[in-house]
């Protein structure tokens, strides 16, 4: 199999370091590997948002109630915002929860 050399491939070779923020707990690692292999990770159930959760557990990756995912995605946006402000580039963050016509949230995208 030929590697496509994508960012996803490169994360397999990253160092596990608490200081770098790349350390995963045992449960996180187990779940990540199970999802990658297509194995079951949980019991089928109903999510609090009302959607069905299959044994594969993929619903939590896109659930609108998954706050942890949003905070992980906000961290790089905050870093980018700070970097831009450091070099005096005018930028703003959209307010959390701004509604759009397509019913999607911008999740704090940095605008330049």
C-alpha atoms as a PDB file:
ATOM      1  CA  UNK A   1       0.000   0.000   0.000  1.00  0.00           C
ATOM      2  CA  UNK A   2       1.330   3.432  -0.943  1.00  0.00           C
ATOM      3  CA  UNK A   3       1.182   6.151   1.702  1.00  0.00           C
ATOM      4  CA  UNK A   4      -0.600   9.329   0.672  1.00  0.00           C
ATOM      5  CA  UNK A   5       1.570  11.219   3.185  1.00  0.00           C
ATOM      6  CA  UNK A   6      -1.354  13.212   4.565  1.00  0.00           C
ATOM      7  CA  UNK A   7      -1.476  15.024   7.895  1.00  0.00           C
ATOM      8  CA  UNK A   8      -3.413  12.061   9.291  1.00  0.00           C
ATOM      9  CA  UNK A   9      -0.528   9.744   8.375  1.00  0.00           C
ATOM     10  CA  UNK A  10       1.985  12.024  10.069  1.00  0.00           C
ATOM     11  CA  UNK A  11       0.108  12.029  13.385  1.00  0.00           C
ATOM     12  CA  UNK A  12       0.972   8.331  13.703  1.00  0.00           C
ATOM     13  CA  UNK A  13       4.614   9.330  14.116  1.00  0.00           C
ATOM     14  CA  UNK A  14       4.153  12.217  16.551  1.00  0.00           C
ATOM     15  CA  UNK A  15       5.819  12.095  19.951  1.00  0.00           C
ATOM     16  CA  UNK A  16       3.651  11.319  22.954  1.00  0.00           C
ATOM     17  CA  UNK A  17       4.382  14.254  25.248  1.00  0.00           C
ATOM     18  CA  UNK A  18       2.321  15.980  27.914  1.00  0.00           C
ATOM     19  CA  UNK A  19       4.327  19.185  27.363  1.00  0.00           C
ATOM     20  CA  UNK A  20       3.577  19.165  23.623  1.00  0.00           C
ATOM     21  CA  UNK A  21      -0.077  18.304  24.181  1.00  0.00           C
ATOM     22  CA  UNK A  22       0.203  15.075  22.173  1.00  0.00           C
ATOM     23  CA  UNK A  23      -0.204  12.579  25.054  1.00  0.00           C
ATOM     24  CA  UNK A  24      -3.308  10.368  24.922  1.00  0.00           C
ATOM     25  CA  UNK A  25      -4.813   8.509  27.851  1.00  0.00           C
ATOM     26  CA  UNK A  26      -5.142   4.743  27.529  1.00  0.00           C
ATOM     27  CA  UNK A  27      -8.895   5.006  26.935  1.00  0.00           C
ATOM     28  CA  UNK A  28      -8.458   7.673  24.252  1.00  0.00           C
ATOM     29  CA  UNK A  29      -5.824   5.562  22.504  1.00  0.00           C
ATOM     30  CA  UNK A  30      -7.989   2.417  22.690  1.00  0.00           C
ATOM     31  CA  UNK A  31     -11.001   4.235  21.266  1.00  0.00           C
ATOM     32  CA  UNK A  32      -8.935   5.874  18.495  1.00  0.00           C
ATOM     33  CA  UNK A  33      -7.459   2.547  17.404  1.00  0.00           C
ATOM     34  CA  UNK A  34     -10.858   0.817  17.544  1.00  0.00           C
ATOM     35  CA  UNK A  35     -12.449   3.526  15.378  1.00  0.00           C
ATOM     36  CA  UNK A  36      -9.529   3.378  12.907  1.00  0.00           C
ATOM     37  CA  UNK A  37      -9.910  -0.420  12.652  1.00  0.00           C
ATOM     38  CA  UNK A  38     -13.706  -0.244  12.410  1.00  0.00           C
ATOM     39  CA  UNK A  39     -14.240  -2.184  15.649  1.00  0.00           C
ATOM     40  CA  UNK A  40     -17.135  -1.671  18.040  1.00  0.00           C
ATOM     41  CA  UNK A  41     -16.394   0.847  20.800  1.00  0.00           C
ATOM     42  CA  UNK A  42     -19.684   1.102  22.709  1.00  0.00           C
ATOM     43  CA  UNK A  43     -23.150  -0.346  23.164  1.00  0.00           C
ATOM     44  CA  UNK A  44     -25.815   0.962  20.748  1.00  0.00           C
ATOM     45  CA  UNK A  45     -27.942   3.582  22.499  1.00  0.00           C
ATOM     46  CA  UNK A  46     -29.778   6.876  22.072  1.00  0.00           C
ATOM     47  CA  UNK A  47     -27.715  10.080  22.420  1.00  0.00           C
ATOM     48  CA  UNK A  48     -29.134  12.942  24.546  1.00  0.00           C
ATOM     49  CA  UNK A  49     -29.421  14.933  21.287  1.00  0.00           C
ATOM     50  CA  UNK A  50     -31.960  12.343  20.079  1.00  0.00           C
ATOM     51  CA  UNK A  51     -29.832  10.592  17.450  1.00  0.00           C
ATOM     52  CA  UNK A  52     -29.069   6.869  17.497  1.00  0.00           C
ATOM     53  CA  UNK A  53     -25.507   5.895  18.468  1.00  0.00           C
ATOM     54  CA  UNK A  54     -24.235   2.763  16.722  1.00  0.00           C
ATOM     55  CA  UNK A  55     -21.743   0.313  18.230  1.00  0.00           C
ATOM     56  CA  UNK A  56     -19.038   1.973  16.095  1.00  0.00           C
ATOM     57  CA  UNK A  57     -19.375   5.131  18.220  1.00  0.00           C
ATOM     58  CA  UNK A  58     -18.897   7.574  15.342  1.00  0.00           C
ATOM     59  CA  UNK A  59     -21.838   9.795  16.311  1.00  0.00           C
ATOM     60  CA  UNK A  60     -19.862  11.454  19.117  1.00  0.00           C
ATOM     61  CA  UNK A  61     -17.364  12.823  16.590  1.00  0.00           C
ATOM     62  CA  UNK A  62     -20.042  15.020  15.013  1.00  0.00           C
ATOM     63  CA  UNK A  63     -22.690  15.420  17.738  1.00  0.00           C
ATOM     64  CA  UNK A  64     -23.796  18.983  18.357  1.00  0.00           C
ATOM     65  CA  UNK A  65     -23.587  18.274  22.098  1.00  0.00           C
ATOM     66  CA  UNK A  66     -19.925  17.222  21.931  1.00  0.00           C
ATOM     67  CA  UNK A  67     -18.407  20.192  23.771  1.00  0.00           C
ATOM     68  CA  UNK A  68     -14.956  18.621  24.247  1.00  0.00           C
ATOM     69  CA  UNK A  69     -14.444  18.483  20.491  1.00  0.00           C
ATOM     70  CA  UNK A  70     -15.343  22.153  20.167  1.00  0.00           C
ATOM     71  CA  UNK A  71     -12.846  23.179  22.871  1.00  0.00           C
ATOM     72  CA  UNK A  72     -10.071  21.170  21.157  1.00  0.00           C
ATOM     73  CA  UNK A  73     -10.837  22.951  17.895  1.00  0.00           C
ATOM     74  CA  UNK A  74     -10.921  26.328  19.624  1.00  0.00           C
ATOM     75  CA  UNK A  75      -7.357  25.974  20.952  1.00  0.00           C
ATOM     76  CA  UNK A  76      -5.640  26.289  17.524  1.00  0.00           C
ATOM     77  CA  UNK A  77      -7.967  29.174  16.640  1.00  0.00           C
ATOM     78  CA  UNK A  78      -6.926  30.968  19.836  1.00  0.00           C
ATOM     79  CA  UNK A  79      -3.248  30.345  19.039  1.00  0.00           C
ATOM     80  CA  UNK A  80      -3.687  31.706  15.505  1.00  0.00           C
ATOM     81  CA  UNK A  81      -5.543  34.759  16.803  1.00  0.00           C
ATOM     82  CA  UNK A  82      -2.769  35.497  19.317  1.00  0.00           C
ATOM     83  CA  UNK A  83      -0.057  35.031  16.664  1.00  0.00           C
ATOM     84  CA  UNK A  84      -1.808  37.400  14.260  1.00  0.00           C
ATOM     85  CA  UNK A  85      -2.284  40.012  16.980  1.00  0.00           C
ATOM     86  CA  UNK A  86       1.395  39.700  17.968  1.00  0.00           C
ATOM     87  CA  UNK A  87       2.461  40.817  14.479  1.00  0.00           C
ATOM     88  CA  UNK A  88      -0.214  43.559  14.392  1.00  0.00           C
ATOM     89  CA  UNK A  89      -2.484  41.888  11.819  1.00  0.00           C
ATOM     90  CA  UNK A  90      -6.028  43.169  12.402  1.00  0.00           C
ATOM     91  CA  UNK A  91      -8.283  40.198  13.117  1.00  0.00           C
ATOM     92  CA  UNK A  92     -11.470  39.351  15.004  1.00  0.00           C
ATOM     93  CA  UNK A  93     -13.116  36.189  16.262  1.00  0.00           C
ATOM     94  CA  UNK A  94     -16.705  35.522  15.422  1.00  0.00           C
ATOM     95  CA  UNK A  95     -18.919  35.202  18.468  1.00  0.00           C
ATOM     96  CA  UNK A  96     -19.616  31.646  19.635  1.00  0.00           C
ATOM     97  CA  UNK A  97     -22.975  30.368  18.455  1.00  0.00           C
ATOM     98  CA  UNK A  98     -23.503  32.883  15.649  1.00  0.00           C
ATOM     99  CA  UNK A  99     -26.268  31.554  13.472  1.00  0.00           C
ATOM    100  CA  UNK A 100     -25.890  31.273   9.739  1.00  0.00           C
ATOM    101  CA  UNK A 101     -28.469  30.652   7.052  1.00  0.00           C
ATOM    102  CA  UNK A 102     -27.308  27.023   6.668  1.00  0.00           C
ATOM    103  CA  UNK A 103     -27.816  26.321  10.421  1.00  0.00           C
ATOM    104  CA  UNK A 104     -24.113  25.632  11.004  1.00  0.00           C
ATOM    105  CA  UNK A 105     -22.025  27.274  13.712  1.00  0.00           C
ATOM    106  CA  UNK A 106     -18.762  28.955  12.732  1.00  0.00           C
ATOM    107  CA  UNK A 107     -17.123  27.691  15.977  1.00  0.00           C
ATOM    108  CA  UNK A 108     -14.899  30.722  16.402  1.00  0.00           C
ATOM    109  CA  UNK A 109     -13.220  30.925  13.030  1.00  0.00           C
ATOM    110  CA  UNK A 110     -10.536  33.593  12.871  1.00  0.00           C
ATOM    111  CA  UNK A 111     -11.264  36.275  10.283  1.00  0.00           C
ATOM    112  CA  UNK A 112      -8.470  38.295   8.703  1.00  0.00           C
END
